[in-house]
Amino acid sequence: MVKTLRCPACGAPMRPSAESLLTICNFCGDIVAESHITPHIIIKPLPLTPPEGVGHVSKMELILVPFFEVKAKVDVDARGYQRRERTETKTVTRGGKTYTESKTIVEYRPWRIQHQGNHSVRFLARQEVTMFGANELISSVTRNRGGESVPFSSDFVKNLVNRDVGHDMVALSPEWDQSEASKKAGEVVYEAAYQKAKSEMHEVFDTKVNFKPLSKPALLHEPLLLIRRKIQGRSYRAAYHWGSGQLLREEQPIKNRGLMMFIALLGFVAAPILTQLGFIFYNQSADEQTWLLIVFIVLALAGVIVGIVLMIRVYKPHKIKSSGGGVGLFDFQMLPAQEVESLQQQPTGQTPVARFCPKCGDPLEQNQQFCEKCGFRMDGR
């Protein structure tokens, strides 16, 4: 059955977007915000007033970025070896003379990483987002929810769009459903565990991850506020997690451009003058002291190098301030014991447990006996 989406205000047919929860009627301008995923939570944005900063705001955009949150029991077991170097020193006597000899000994020690815990795994519900500050937002959300959460409602989202005419609003939709979210969460945890093992080991032999969801995946929309400021005729961007107000990424103007340009020009002008003076003193000296010529040439080269460095700095558009990105194994938020107990008492339905090949880490289907990537047999024969 094909269902036609119609505008609740004028009844005209509407075409929903594959990338946004919001659909705008082309006839009357009414807004429809629909979600078919339960539970669906929105982190409540702060008041839409520009944060304090230098310059004046020329553009402000609020983006609701979708994440899935999967509460799960995670068991990690990674094996490999570490490469260690140590130096041994000993004193030897040969031919009546005493020598000190040192040699470097390389050792390969077995190493193992084990981790068990109940985590709230949050990951981006789209393949990627390319807006300014996206990596910092993903890193921040992985660790903690960014503020007060409210259940999804069409009226709440429509109110965000109409709250202030001074900003734009985008509500991105997820690319996966809940049945795929648990599998994706297991892949995210496996990748984090494997990267953790690689950071500690010279070579990783085996990484096993048992990922068991404790509840139904929840869709979580986190607010990202993008701002453009005008400072001395130039445009600079800033990205905030607008549930907590955390500054994620910011372009900052480079100060003292005029002074740096003046010093650079002095370096360029001084270079030929210093070179000429060096030759004059060299020719006028009685013994033609070469070292004096070398000193003046070195000073001239230094002036040119300083000038080039400063000119590059002057014409660089801005410098970046970042809160940092990247996701590690221990960045996933631990669940309190009380919450785990309440989740275990709730029926979880037929939520699949994510499986991975113990040899190469490729995701496996529930009844798959052979790995399609490396051919490994699951019973180990």
Protein backbone atom coordinates (compact mmCIF):
# COMPACT_ATOMS: atom_id res chain seq x y z
CA MET A 1 0.00 0.00 0.00
CA VAL A 2 1.31 3.42 -0.97
CA LYS A 3 0.32 6.23 1.40
CA THR A 4 0.29 9.81 0.14
CA LEU A 5 1.48 12.39 2.65
CA ARG A 6 -0.88 15.35 2.66
CA CYS A 7 -0.54 18.75 4.28
CA PRO A 8 -2.65 18.88 7.48
CA ALA A 9 -3.44 22.55 6.80
CA CYS A 10 -4.45 22.66 3.13
CA GLY A 11 -4.61 18.97 2.10
CA ALA A 12 -2.10 19.33 -0.75
CA PRO A 13 0.24 16.38 -1.45
CA MET A 14 3.70 16.67 0.14
CA ARG A 15 6.98 15.01 -0.78
CA PRO A 16 8.95 13.97 2.34
CA SER A 17 12.71 14.31 2.19
CA ALA A 18 14.98 11.31 2.67
CA GLU A 19 17.45 13.41 4.64
CA SER A 20 15.19 15.43 6.94
CA LEU A 21 12.37 14.85 9.42
CA LEU A 22 10.82 18.11 8.28
CA THR A 23 8.54 18.39 5.25
CA ILE A 24 7.37 21.84 4.14
CA CYS A 25 4.21 22.30 2.07
CA ASN A 26 4.93 24.08 -1.19
CA PHE A 27 1.39 25.52 -1.26
CA CYS A 28 0.76 26.96 2.22
CA GLY A 29 4.17 26.65 3.91
CA ASP A 30 2.93 24.46 6.78
CA ILE A 31 5.52 22.14 8.39
CA VAL A 32 5.12 18.42 9.08
CA ALA A 33 7.60 16.61 11.37
CA GLU A 34 7.09 12.85 11.55
CA SER A 35 9.03 10.02 13.19
CA HIS A 36 8.17 6.32 13.07
CA ILE A 37 10.83 5.21 15.59
CA THR A 38 10.04 4.60 19.25
CA PRO A 39 11.64 5.54 21.59
CA HIS A 40 12.71 8.83 20.00
CA ILE A 41 14.33 11.52 22.17
CA ILE A 42 15.41 15.08 21.42
CA ILE A 43 18.00 16.90 23.49
CA LYS A 44 16.33 20.20 24.25
CA PRO A 45 18.21 23.12 22.63
CA LEU A 46 19.18 26.11 24.72
CA PRO A 47 17.50 29.48 23.99
CA LEU A 48 18.36 30.50 20.44
CA THR A 49 20.37 33.58 21.31
CA PRO A 50 23.87 34.00 19.88
CA PRO A 51 26.71 33.12 22.29
CA GLU A 52 28.98 35.95 23.31
CA GLY A 53 31.88 36.57 20.98
CA VAL A 54 33.84 39.13 18.99
CA GLY A 55 32.13 40.60 15.93
CA HIS A 56 28.48 40.41 14.91
CA VAL A 57 26.52 37.30 13.94
CA SER A 58 25.67 37.16 10.23
CA LYS A 59 24.09 33.68 10.16
CA MET A 60 22.84 31.14 12.69
CA GLU A 61 21.71 27.57 11.93
CA LEU A 62 20.35 24.91 14.30
CA ILE A 63 20.85 21.31 13.16
CA LEU A 64 19.32 18.29 14.92
CA VAL A 65 21.84 15.50 14.32
CA PRO A 66 20.54 11.89 14.70
CA PHE A 67 22.29 9.32 16.87
CA PHE A 68 21.29 5.83 17.96
CA GLU A 69 21.71 4.90 21.60
CA VAL A 70 22.06 1.18 22.37
CA LYS A 71 22.37 0.02 25.97
CA ALA A 72 24.29 -3.22 25.96
CA LYS A 73 26.54 -5.63 27.82
CA VAL A 74 30.00 -5.53 26.26
CA ASP A 75 32.72 -8.20 26.66
CA VAL A 76 36.07 -7.60 24.94
CA ASP A 77 39.00 -10.00 24.74
CA ALA A 78 41.97 -8.96 22.55
CA ARG A 79 45.26 -10.87 22.33
CA GLY A 80 48.61 -10.13 20.76
CA TYR A 81 52.14 -9.22 21.76
CA GLN A 82 54.07 -6.15 22.74
CA ARG A 83 57.53 -5.29 21.50
CA ARG A 84 59.82 -4.16 24.31
CA GLU A 85 63.42 -2.97 24.13
CA ARG A 86 65.86 -2.95 27.02
CA THR A 87 69.55 -2.14 27.23
CA GLU A 88 72.05 -4.32 29.07
CA THR A 89 75.44 -2.90 30.06
CA LYS A 90 78.39 -4.92 31.28
CA THR A 91 82.09 -4.39 31.92
CA VAL A 92 84.60 -6.67 30.20
CA THR A 93 88.40 -6.87 30.32
CA ARG A 94 90.45 -7.64 27.24
CA GLY A 95 94.24 -7.43 26.94
CA GLY A 96 94.53 -5.78 30.30
CA LYS A 97 92.07 -3.03 29.36
CA THR A 98 88.56 -2.58 30.70
CA TYR A 99 85.66 -1.83 28.36
CA THR A 100 81.99 -1.08 28.88
CA GLU A 101 79.74 -2.84 26.39
CA SER A 102 76.04 -2.17 25.83
CA LYS A 103 73.57 -4.09 23.75
CA THR A 104 69.89 -3.68 23.02
CA ILE A 105 67.66 -6.69 23.63
CA VAL A 106 64.27 -6.86 21.90
CA GLU A 107 61.58 -8.88 23.63
CA TYR A 108 58.12 -9.86 22.40
CA ARG A 109 55.77 -10.37 25.31
CA PRO A 110 52.25 -11.80 25.10
CA TRP A 111 49.66 -9.10 25.82
CA ARG A 112 45.95 -9.26 26.51
CA ILE A 113 43.20 -6.66 26.88
CA GLN A 114 40.02 -7.72 28.66
CA HIS A 115 37.03 -5.54 29.38
CA GLN A 116 33.55 -6.25 30.66
CA GLY A 117 30.89 -3.67 31.32
CA ASN A 118 27.43 -2.34 30.58
CA HIS A 119 27.59 0.66 28.30
CA SER A 120 25.38 3.19 26.60
CA VAL A 121 26.74 3.14 23.05
CA ARG A 122 25.87 6.24 21.02
CA PHE A 123 26.85 6.50 17.37
CA LEU A 124 25.92 8.62 14.38
CA ALA A 125 22.74 7.32 12.70
CA ARG A 126 23.96 8.37 9.24
CA GLN A 127 26.94 7.34 7.15
CA GLU A 128 28.52 10.73 7.75
CA VAL A 129 27.81 14.39 8.35
CA THR A 130 30.11 17.00 6.88
CA MET A 131 29.11 20.19 8.66
CA PHE A 132 31.64 22.23 10.62
CA GLY A 133 32.30 20.69 14.08
CA ALA A 134 30.77 17.28 13.23
CA ASN A 135 33.73 15.21 14.50
CA GLU A 136 33.82 17.06 17.80
CA LEU A 137 30.04 16.60 18.20
CA ILE A 138 30.31 12.83 17.63
CA SER A 139 33.09 12.60 20.20
CA SER A 140 31.11 14.63 22.73
CA VAL A 141 27.87 12.65 22.30
CA THR A 142 29.73 9.34 22.59
CA ARG A 143 30.73 10.26 26.14
CA ASN A 144 27.53 11.90 27.40
CA ARG A 145 24.11 13.10 26.43
CA GLY A 146 24.34 16.81 25.88
CA GLY A 147 21.59 18.16 28.10
CA GLU A 148 17.93 17.79 29.05
CA SER A 149 16.03 15.23 26.95
CA VAL A 150 12.38 15.44 25.85
CA PRO A 151 10.25 12.92 23.93
CA PHE A 152 9.89 13.57 20.22
CA SER A 153 6.77 15.44 19.21
CA SER A 154 5.82 17.13 15.99
CA ASP A 155 4.74 20.29 17.82
CA PHE A 156 8.08 20.56 19.64
CA VAL A 157 10.08 20.38 16.40
CA LYS A 158 7.75 22.81 14.61
CA ASN A 159 8.13 25.22 17.52
CA LEU A 160 11.92 25.14 17.08
CA VAL A 161 11.48 26.13 13.43
CA ASN A 162 9.11 28.99 14.22
CA ARG A 163 10.70 30.18 17.46
CA ASP A 164 12.84 32.86 15.85
CA VAL A 165 13.05 34.11 12.28
CA GLY A 166 16.75 34.88 12.80
CA HIS A 167 17.96 31.30 12.34
CA ASP A 168 17.70 28.34 9.95
CA MET A 169 16.64 24.88 11.12
CA VAL A 170 17.51 21.40 9.83
CA ALA A 171 16.40 18.08 11.39
CA LEU A 172 18.33 15.21 9.80
CA SER A 173 16.74 11.76 9.61
CA PRO A 174 18.51 8.44 10.39
CA GLU A 175 19.65 6.18 7.57
CA TRP A 176 19.01 2.91 9.46
CA ASP A 177 16.10 1.40 11.37
CA GLN A 178 16.25 -0.10 14.85
CA SER A 179 16.87 -3.65 13.64
CA GLU A 180 20.06 -2.45 11.97
CA ALA A 181 21.05 -0.15 14.83
CA SER A 182 22.08 -2.99 17.19
CA LYS A 183 24.33 -4.50 14.54
CA LYS A 184 25.88 -1.10 13.76
CA ALA A 185 26.48 -0.49 17.47
CA GLY A 186 28.32 -3.81 17.73
CA GLU A 187 30.51 -2.82 14.78
CA VAL A 188 31.29 0.54 16.42
CA VAL A 189 32.35 -1.18 19.66
CA TYR A 190 34.43 -3.77 17.79
CA GLU A 191 36.29 -1.05 15.87
CA ALA A 192 36.97 0.87 19.08
CA ALA A 193 38.23 -2.31 20.78
CA TYR A 194 40.47 -3.18 17.83
CA GLN A 195 41.96 0.34 17.72
CA LYS A 196 42.59 0.12 21.48
CA ALA A 197 44.41 -3.19 20.98
CA LYS A 198 46.49 -1.78 18.10
CA SER A 199 47.54 1.18 20.25
CA GLU A 200 48.92 -1.12 22.97
CA MET A 201 50.28 -4.03 20.92
CA HIS A 202 52.94 -4.45 18.26
CA GLU A 203 50.72 -7.03 16.56
CA VAL A 204 47.15 -8.08 17.30
CA PHE A 205 46.38 -11.78 16.92
CA ASP A 206 42.73 -11.92 17.88
CA THR A 207 39.97 -9.51 18.95
CA LYS A 208 36.69 -10.91 20.21
CA VAL A 209 33.70 -8.76 21.11
CA ASN A 210 30.47 -10.08 22.59
CA PHE A 211 27.83 -7.36 22.26
CA LYS A 212 24.45 -8.06 23.84
CA PRO A 213 21.80 -5.29 23.74
CA LEU A 214 19.82 -4.83 26.96
CA SER A 215 17.00 -2.78 25.47
CA LYS A 216 15.50 -1.54 22.23
CA PRO A 217 17.70 1.03 20.44
CA ALA A 218 16.59 4.63 20.92
CA LEU A 219 16.84 7.40 18.36
CA LEU A 220 18.49 10.50 19.82
CA HIS A 221 18.64 13.94 18.17
CA GLU A 222 21.41 16.21 19.46
CA PRO A 223 21.35 19.96 18.66
CA LEU A 224 24.32 21.49 16.82
CA LEU A 225 24.39 25.28 16.53
CA LEU A 226 26.44 26.73 13.66
CA ILE A 227 27.28 30.44 13.72
CA ARG A 228 29.02 32.76 11.27
CA ARG A 229 30.50 35.97 12.64
CA LYS A 230 31.84 38.97 10.75
CA ILE A 231 35.08 40.36 12.20
CA GLN A 232 36.86 43.18 10.34
CA GLY A 233 35.23 42.18 7.07
CA ARG A 234 36.12 38.47 7.35
CA SER A 235 33.72 35.59 8.07
CA TYR A 236 34.49 33.10 10.86
CA ARG A 237 32.60 29.94 11.85
CA ALA A 238 31.83 28.44 15.27
CA ALA A 239 30.07 25.19 16.24
CA TYR A 240 28.40 24.59 19.61
CA HIS A 241 26.70 21.59 21.17
CA TRP A 242 23.51 23.52 21.83
CA GLY A 243 22.15 21.19 24.50
CA SER A 244 25.01 21.94 26.89
CA GLY A 245 26.45 25.10 25.28
CA GLN A 246 29.88 23.44 24.83
CA LEU A 247 32.09 25.07 22.20
CA LEU A 248 33.10 22.29 19.81
CA ARG A 249 35.10 24.04 17.10
CA GLU A 250 35.84 27.67 16.31
CA GLU A 251 37.72 29.71 13.74
CA GLN A 252 39.57 32.59 15.40
CA PRO A 253 41.10 35.64 13.70
CA ILE A 254 44.87 35.98 13.66
CA LYS A 255 45.89 39.10 15.61
CA ASN A 256 48.58 41.68 14.78
CA ARG A 257 48.45 41.14 11.02
CA GLY A 258 49.68 44.67 10.32
CA LEU A 259 52.67 44.36 12.65
CA MET A 260 53.65 41.00 11.18
CA MET A 261 53.45 42.37 7.63
CA PHE A 262 55.62 45.37 8.62
CA ILE A 263 58.31 43.12 10.16
CA ALA A 264 58.19 40.84 7.09
CA LEU A 265 58.79 43.81 4.75
CA LEU A 266 61.69 44.95 6.94
CA GLY A 267 63.24 41.50 6.59
CA PHE A 268 62.91 41.57 2.80
CA VAL A 269 64.37 45.10 2.55
CA ALA A 270 67.20 44.37 5.00
CA ALA A 271 68.39 41.22 3.18
CA PRO A 272 70.05 42.90 0.13
CA ILE A 273 71.38 45.75 2.30
CA LEU A 274 73.07 43.31 4.70
CA THR A 275 74.51 41.35 1.78
CA GLN A 276 75.96 44.53 0.21
CA LEU A 277 77.45 45.66 3.53
CA GLY A 278 79.06 42.26 3.93
CA PHE A 279 80.88 42.54 0.61
CA ILE A 280 81.93 46.14 1.37
CA PHE A 281 83.48 45.19 4.71
CA TYR A 282 85.05 42.11 3.15
CA ASN A 283 86.75 44.13 0.41
CA GLN A 284 87.87 46.91 2.73
CA SER A 285 89.38 44.65 5.39
CA ALA A 286 93.12 44.27 5.25
CA ASP A 287 93.19 40.48 5.43
CA GLU A 288 89.83 39.94 3.71
CA GLN A 289 88.16 38.27 6.67
CA THR A 290 85.77 35.69 5.22
CA TRP A 291 83.94 35.10 8.49
CA LEU A 292 82.63 38.69 8.42
CA LEU A 293 81.09 38.16 4.98
CA ILE A 294 79.53 34.89 6.16
CA VAL A 295 77.93 36.63 9.18
CA PHE A 296 76.26 39.27 6.99
CA ILE A 297 75.01 36.65 4.49
CA VAL A 298 73.55 34.55 7.33
CA LEU A 299 71.76 37.61 8.73
CA ALA A 300 70.38 38.39 5.27
CA LEU A 301 69.08 34.83 4.86
CA ALA A 302 67.53 34.98 8.34
CA GLY A 303 65.68 38.17 7.39
CA VAL A 304 64.28 36.52 4.24
CA ILE A 305 63.17 33.39 6.12
CA VAL A 306 61.47 35.41 8.87
CA GLY A 307 59.74 37.52 6.22
CA ILE A 308 58.42 34.46 4.38
CA VAL A 309 57.15 32.83 7.60
CA LEU A 310 55.37 36.01 8.70
CA MET A 311 53.79 36.59 5.27
CA ILE A 312 52.42 33.02 5.29
CA ARG A 313 51.05 33.66 8.77
CA VAL A 314 49.45 36.95 7.67
CA TYR A 315 47.62 35.41 4.71
CA LYS A 316 46.50 32.30 6.62
CA PRO A 317 42.72 32.83 6.97
CA HIS A 318 42.36 31.85 10.64
CA LYS A 319 43.44 29.57 13.44
CA ILE A 320 41.30 26.70 14.78
CA LYS A 321 40.25 26.04 18.36
CA SER A 322 38.89 22.49 18.81
CA SER A 323 37.53 20.47 21.72
CA GLY A 324 39.05 17.32 20.19
CA GLY A 325 37.61 14.35 18.32
CA GLY A 326 38.01 10.59 18.19
CA VAL A 327 36.24 7.70 19.93
CA GLY A 328 37.95 5.10 22.11
CA LEU A 329 36.84 1.86 23.78
CA PHE A 330 36.44 3.46 27.20
CA ASP A 331 34.62 6.55 25.90
CA PHE A 332 31.24 4.77 25.87
CA GLN A 333 29.31 5.81 28.95
CA MET A 334 29.03 3.18 31.72
CA LEU A 335 25.50 2.37 32.88
CA PRO A 336 24.65 2.58 36.60
CA ALA A 337 23.91 -0.76 38.28
CA GLN A 338 20.30 0.25 39.06
CA GLU A 339 19.60 1.01 35.40
CA VAL A 340 21.09 -2.31 34.30
CA GLU A 341 18.86 -4.19 36.75
CA SER A 342 15.73 -2.43 35.51
CA LEU A 343 16.66 -3.11 31.88
CA GLN A 344 17.27 -6.81 32.56
CA GLN A 345 13.77 -7.11 34.02
CA GLN A 346 12.21 -5.71 30.84
CA PRO A 347 11.50 -8.01 27.88
CA THR A 348 13.98 -7.26 25.10
CA GLY A 349 12.17 -9.18 22.36
CA GLN A 350 14.25 -10.87 19.70
CA THR A 351 17.06 -8.30 19.58
CA PRO A 352 19.95 -9.97 17.74
CA VAL A 353 23.41 -10.23 19.26
CA ALA A 354 26.11 -8.80 17.01
CA ARG A 355 28.67 -11.43 15.87
CA PHE A 356 32.13 -10.92 14.37
CA CYS A 357 34.74 -13.21 12.85
CA PRO A 358 37.37 -13.94 15.55
CA LYS A 359 40.12 -13.94 12.91
CA CYS A 360 39.51 -10.83 10.78
CA GLY A 361 36.66 -9.05 12.59
CA ASP A 362 34.21 -9.06 9.65
CA PRO A 363 30.52 -8.83 10.76
CA LEU A 364 28.62 -12.15 10.65
CA GLU A 365 24.96 -13.03 10.25
CA GLN A 366 23.31 -14.91 13.11
CA ASN A 367 23.54 -18.39 11.54
CA GLN A 368 26.65 -17.85 9.43
CA GLN A 369 29.21 -20.65 9.88
CA PHE A 370 31.98 -19.40 7.56
CA CYS A 371 33.47 -15.91 7.25
CA GLU A 372 32.93 -14.52 3.74
CA LYS A 373 36.06 -12.36 4.02
CA CYS A 374 38.75 -14.80 5.22
CA GLY A 375 36.99 -18.20 5.09
CA PHE A 376 37.45 -18.92 8.82
CA ARG A 377 35.16 -21.66 10.13
CA MET A 378 33.28 -20.67 13.29
CA ASP A 379 33.78 -24.01 15.08
CA GLY A 380 37.56 -23.59 14.63
CA ARG A 381 38.13 -26.80 12.67
